[in-house]
């Protein structure tokens, strides 16, 4: 890592709440000495593959990753978002995301960055130095690295973000909150790492008010170990107010 690397000022080991010393070989906790692998500038704070859910196993599969963007994700949005006519397309998603981040000066954390499709748009607008991609899937991060060789990447959990309080000017969780086991805790972590006046940009799925479609939606979600959010959950989580507090 070079001396201007964004991890030098933001990355910490959540268990100790202590800054990590990061170089090209390893990341080491300055307090307890815990040591973590760095592979192709991907800091891996997980180590062993996460196979805790069917959804996570799915995201570690090379076969899935190869067709994720153009097949798997499109199908997911059609079913979970009732987007059968493709009324919401990728260009529109780009516009929604980047407009939400307008005026942000970085750093910007992209939670569940996956293969980097939306991370790339953030990088292109704000610069590689301003972006951190985070994901549980090492396979996804390796794919992201192959297309975005110059951004910071870390393998870690959204439930224990490895960053200092108030260290992010924006946090993105695009089409991913429904996959996180404890959304409320994840959003609490988002609030912790956001600086005062920081921006949260998210995209997830509202439970359909149509009982027949809700039944269809629910069974699809169960098969992939994910969820939808009821109107009351959206209010409770603060997703209806345009802010996380």
Protein backbone atom coordinates (compact mmCIF):
# COMPACT_ATOMS: atom_id res chain seq x y z
CA UNK A 1 0.00 0.00 0.00
CA UNK A 2 1.32 3.45 -0.74
CA UNK A 3 1.57 6.18 1.87
CA UNK A 4 -1.57 7.91 0.64
CA UNK A 5 -3.72 4.80 0.79
CA UNK A 6 -7.18 5.47 2.26
CA UNK A 7 -6.80 2.53 4.68
CA UNK A 8 -3.98 4.35 6.46
CA UNK A 9 -6.48 6.71 8.06
CA UNK A 10 -9.71 4.70 8.30
CA UNK A 11 -9.23 0.94 8.67
CA UNK A 12 -9.43 -0.74 12.07
CA UNK A 13 -9.96 -4.19 13.59
CA UNK A 14 -13.53 -4.15 15.02
CA UNK A 15 -12.74 -6.53 17.90
CA UNK A 16 -10.15 -4.13 19.35
CA UNK A 17 -11.41 -0.88 17.85
CA UNK A 18 -7.76 -0.31 16.97
CA UNK A 19 -6.14 0.96 13.78
CA UNK A 20 -4.67 -1.64 11.43
CA UNK A 21 -1.20 -1.28 9.99
CA UNK A 22 -1.68 -2.25 6.33
CA UNK A 23 0.96 -3.13 3.75
CA UNK A 24 1.06 -5.34 0.67
CA UNK A 25 1.73 -8.48 2.71
CA UNK A 26 -0.61 -8.21 5.69
CA UNK A 27 -2.81 -6.06 7.90
CA UNK A 28 -1.83 -6.12 11.57
CA UNK A 29 -3.73 -4.81 14.58
CA UNK A 30 -1.56 -2.32 16.46
CA UNK A 31 -3.11 -3.37 19.77
CA UNK A 32 -3.56 -7.16 19.89
CA UNK A 33 -1.25 -8.10 16.99
CA UNK A 34 -3.97 -9.96 15.08
CA UNK A 35 -2.74 -10.45 11.53
CA UNK A 36 -4.85 -10.63 8.36
CA UNK A 37 -4.00 -11.57 4.81
CA UNK A 38 -3.73 -9.05 2.00
CA UNK A 39 -4.22 -10.57 -1.45
CA UNK A 40 -3.79 -8.32 -4.47
CA UNK A 41 -4.47 -5.33 -2.23
CA UNK A 42 -7.67 -6.91 -0.87
CA UNK A 43 -7.56 -6.80 2.94
CA UNK A 44 -9.25 -9.99 4.19
CA UNK A 45 -10.64 -9.64 7.73
CA UNK A 46 -12.75 -12.82 7.43
CA UNK A 47 -10.24 -15.52 6.50
CA UNK A 48 -12.24 -18.72 6.07
CA UNK A 49 -15.01 -18.71 3.44
CA UNK A 50 -18.39 -17.64 4.81
CA UNK A 51 -20.85 -20.44 4.05
CA UNK A 52 -23.32 -19.54 6.80
CA UNK A 53 -26.28 -19.02 4.48
CA UNK A 54 -27.43 -20.32 1.14
CA UNK A 55 -27.24 -16.79 -0.21
CA UNK A 56 -23.59 -16.43 0.80
CA UNK A 57 -22.69 -19.80 -0.70
CA UNK A 58 -24.35 -18.55 -3.87
CA UNK A 59 -22.17 -15.42 -3.90
CA UNK A 60 -18.96 -17.48 -3.59
CA UNK A 61 -19.70 -19.55 -6.70
CA UNK A 62 -17.50 -18.67 -9.73
CA UNK A 63 -20.28 -19.86 -12.04
CA UNK A 64 -22.77 -17.44 -10.49
CA UNK A 65 -20.32 -14.55 -10.55
CA UNK A 66 -19.66 -14.95 -14.27
CA UNK A 67 -23.33 -14.38 -15.09
CA UNK A 68 -24.33 -12.39 -12.01
CA UNK A 69 -24.76 -8.92 -13.50
CA UNK A 70 -26.55 -9.74 -16.73
CA UNK A 71 -28.60 -12.78 -15.66
CA UNK A 72 -28.86 -13.39 -11.92
CA UNK A 73 -29.28 -9.80 -10.76
CA UNK A 74 -31.75 -8.89 -13.50
CA UNK A 75 -33.87 -11.92 -12.61
CA UNK A 76 -33.71 -11.02 -8.91
CA UNK A 77 -34.98 -7.49 -9.57
CA UNK A 78 -37.76 -8.76 -11.84
CA UNK A 79 -39.10 -11.07 -9.15
CA UNK A 80 -38.40 -9.17 -5.93
CA UNK A 81 -39.18 -5.75 -7.38
CA UNK A 82 -41.96 -6.77 -9.79
CA UNK A 83 -39.84 -5.38 -12.58
CA UNK A 84 -41.08 -7.73 -15.29
CA UNK A 85 -41.19 -5.01 -17.94
CA UNK A 86 -37.69 -3.71 -17.05
CA UNK A 87 -39.14 -0.34 -16.08
CA UNK A 88 -36.09 0.05 -13.84
CA UNK A 89 -32.91 -0.43 -15.85
CA UNK A 90 -29.22 -0.17 -15.07
CA UNK A 91 -28.86 3.33 -16.51
CA UNK A 92 -31.62 4.55 -14.21
CA UNK A 93 -29.96 2.88 -11.24
CA UNK A 94 -26.72 4.69 -12.10
CA UNK A 95 -28.58 8.01 -12.21
CA UNK A 96 -30.35 7.42 -8.89
CA UNK A 97 -27.15 6.40 -7.12
CA UNK A 98 -24.87 9.10 -8.44
CA UNK A 99 -27.44 11.84 -7.93
CA UNK A 100 -27.78 10.77 -4.28
CA UNK A 101 -24.02 11.21 -3.90
CA UNK A 102 -23.86 14.60 -5.60
CA UNK A 103 -21.49 16.93 -3.78
CA UNK A 104 -19.88 14.25 -1.61
CA UNK A 105 -16.12 14.73 -1.17
CA UNK A 106 -15.26 11.18 -0.05
CA UNK A 107 -14.38 8.78 1.37
CA UNK A 108 -17.31 6.70 0.10
CA UNK A 109 -17.91 3.17 1.39
CA UNK A 110 -19.72 0.73 -0.91
CA UNK A 111 -21.14 -2.08 1.26
CA UNK A 112 -21.67 -5.38 -0.58
CA UNK A 113 -19.87 -3.99 -3.62
CA UNK A 114 -19.93 -7.41 -5.31
CA UNK A 115 -18.29 -7.54 -8.71
CA UNK A 116 -18.01 -3.75 -8.82
CA UNK A 117 -20.65 -2.71 -11.36
CA UNK A 118 -21.90 0.24 -9.26
CA UNK A 119 -18.60 0.77 -7.51
CA UNK A 120 -17.14 1.56 -10.93
CA UNK A 121 -19.60 4.41 -11.43
CA UNK A 122 -18.67 5.87 -8.05
CA UNK A 123 -14.99 5.51 -8.86
CA UNK A 124 -15.39 7.17 -12.25
CA UNK A 125 -17.17 10.17 -10.77
CA UNK A 126 -15.24 10.67 -7.53
CA UNK A 127 -11.86 9.06 -8.20
CA UNK A 128 -10.25 5.82 -7.06
CA UNK A 129 -8.75 7.45 -3.96
CA UNK A 130 -12.24 8.23 -2.60
CA UNK A 131 -13.80 4.73 -2.81
CA UNK A 132 -13.72 1.69 -0.55
CA UNK A 133 -15.48 -1.51 -1.63
CA UNK A 134 -16.55 -3.99 1.06
CA UNK A 135 -18.01 -7.48 0.61
CA UNK A 136 -18.24 -10.84 2.40
CA UNK A 137 -17.46 -12.76 -0.78
CA UNK A 138 -13.77 -13.11 -1.62
CA UNK A 139 -14.74 -14.41 -5.06
CA UNK A 140 -16.75 -11.24 -5.72
CA UNK A 141 -13.90 -9.04 -4.49
CA UNK A 142 -11.43 -10.80 -6.76
CA UNK A 143 -13.73 -10.09 -9.70
CA UNK A 144 -14.10 -6.48 -8.58
CA UNK A 145 -10.31 -6.15 -8.37
CA UNK A 146 -9.93 -7.46 -11.94
CA UNK A 147 -12.06 -4.59 -13.29
CA UNK A 148 -11.10 -1.93 -10.72
CA UNK A 149 -7.38 -2.38 -10.01
CA UNK A 150 -6.92 0.96 -8.26
CA UNK A 151 -9.58 1.13 -5.52
CA UNK A 152 -9.44 -0.01 -1.89
CA UNK A 153 -11.14 -3.36 -1.17
CA UNK A 154 -11.80 -5.10 2.13
CA UNK A 155 -13.48 -8.38 3.01
CA UNK A 156 -15.51 -7.79 6.14
CA UNK A 157 -19.01 -7.94 7.60
CA UNK A 158 -21.55 -5.13 7.32
CA UNK A 159 -22.47 -5.97 10.93
CA UNK A 160 -19.05 -4.87 12.22
CA UNK A 161 -17.68 -2.30 9.80
CA UNK A 162 -13.88 -2.04 10.15
CA UNK A 163 -13.79 1.75 10.11
CA UNK A 164 -13.49 4.53 12.64
CA UNK A 165 -16.48 6.53 13.85
CA UNK A 166 -17.40 9.32 11.47
CA UNK A 167 -14.78 8.33 8.92
CA UNK A 168 -17.07 8.15 5.85
CA UNK A 169 -18.69 11.00 3.98
CA UNK A 170 -21.08 8.57 2.28
CA UNK A 171 -22.12 4.92 2.55
CA UNK A 172 -23.77 2.98 -0.27
CA UNK A 173 -25.70 -0.28 0.17
CA UNK A 174 -27.13 -0.89 -3.27
CA UNK A 175 -29.41 -3.92 -3.76
CA UNK A 176 -27.95 -5.65 -0.71
CA UNK A 177 -29.69 -4.78 2.58
CA UNK A 178 -32.15 -7.64 1.98
CA UNK A 179 -29.23 -10.11 2.07
CA UNK A 180 -27.83 -8.94 5.42
CA UNK A 181 -28.82 -11.10 8.40
CA UNK A 182 -29.43 -8.16 10.76
CA UNK A 183 -30.40 -5.05 8.76
CA UNK A 184 -30.99 -2.94 11.88
CA UNK A 185 -27.47 -3.64 13.15
CA UNK A 186 -26.01 -2.97 9.70
CA UNK A 187 -27.74 0.42 9.58
CA UNK A 188 -26.54 1.18 13.11
CA UNK A 189 -23.01 0.52 11.86
CA UNK A 190 -23.66 2.77 8.85
CA UNK A 191 -24.75 5.55 11.20
CA UNK A 192 -21.62 5.06 13.32
CA UNK A 193 -19.13 5.36 10.47
CA UNK A 194 -20.90 8.24 8.73
CA UNK A 195 -19.63 11.72 9.47
CA UNK A 196 -22.09 14.41 10.52
CA UNK A 197 -24.18 15.34 7.51
CA UNK A 198 -22.97 12.27 5.60
CA UNK A 199 -25.07 10.55 2.94
CA UNK A 200 -26.55 7.06 2.93
CA UNK A 201 -27.70 5.74 -0.47
CA UNK A 202 -29.56 2.43 -0.54
CA UNK A 203 -31.68 0.22 -2.76
CA UNK A 204 -33.69 -2.71 -1.39
CA UNK A 205 -37.16 -4.28 -1.64
CA UNK A 206 -40.54 -3.35 -0.19
CA UNK A 207 -42.93 -6.21 0.54
CA UNK A 208 -45.71 -6.22 -2.04
CA UNK A 209 -49.15 -5.10 -0.80
CA UNK A 210 -50.66 -7.63 -3.21
CA UNK A 211 -51.12 -10.83 -1.16
CA UNK A 212 -50.68 -13.15 -4.12
CA UNK A 213 -47.48 -11.43 -5.24
CA UNK A 214 -46.24 -11.23 -1.66
CA UNK A 215 -46.58 -15.03 -1.43
CA UNK A 216 -44.54 -15.42 -4.63
CA UNK A 217 -41.98 -12.86 -3.46
CA UNK A 218 -41.61 -14.48 -0.03
CA UNK A 219 -40.95 -17.97 -1.38
CA UNK A 220 -38.33 -16.62 -3.79
CA UNK A 221 -36.66 -14.72 -0.93
CA UNK A 222 -36.62 -17.82 1.30
CA UNK A 223 -34.92 -19.84 -1.43
CA UNK A 224 -32.09 -17.28 -1.56
CA UNK A 225 -31.86 -16.59 2.19
CA UNK A 226 -32.92 -12.95 1.83
CA UNK A 227 -35.97 -10.84 2.65
CA UNK A 228 -38.31 -7.99 1.82
CA UNK A 229 -39.25 -5.13 4.14
CA UNK A 230 -42.74 -4.28 5.33
CA UNK A 231 -43.90 -0.68 5.46
CA UNK A 232 -43.59 -0.70 9.26
CA UNK A 233 -40.02 -2.03 9.06
CA UNK A 234 -39.11 0.67 6.55
CA UNK A 235 -40.36 3.31 8.99
CA UNK A 236 -38.63 1.68 11.98
CA UNK A 237 -35.31 1.39 10.14
CA UNK A 238 -35.50 5.01 9.01
CA UNK A 239 -35.48 4.12 5.30
CA UNK A 240 -38.54 6.28 4.63
CA UNK A 241 -36.95 9.53 5.79
CA UNK A 242 -33.95 9.73 3.51
CA UNK A 243 -31.60 9.45 6.46
CA UNK A 244 -30.25 6.94 8.96
CA UNK A 245 -30.27 8.06 12.61
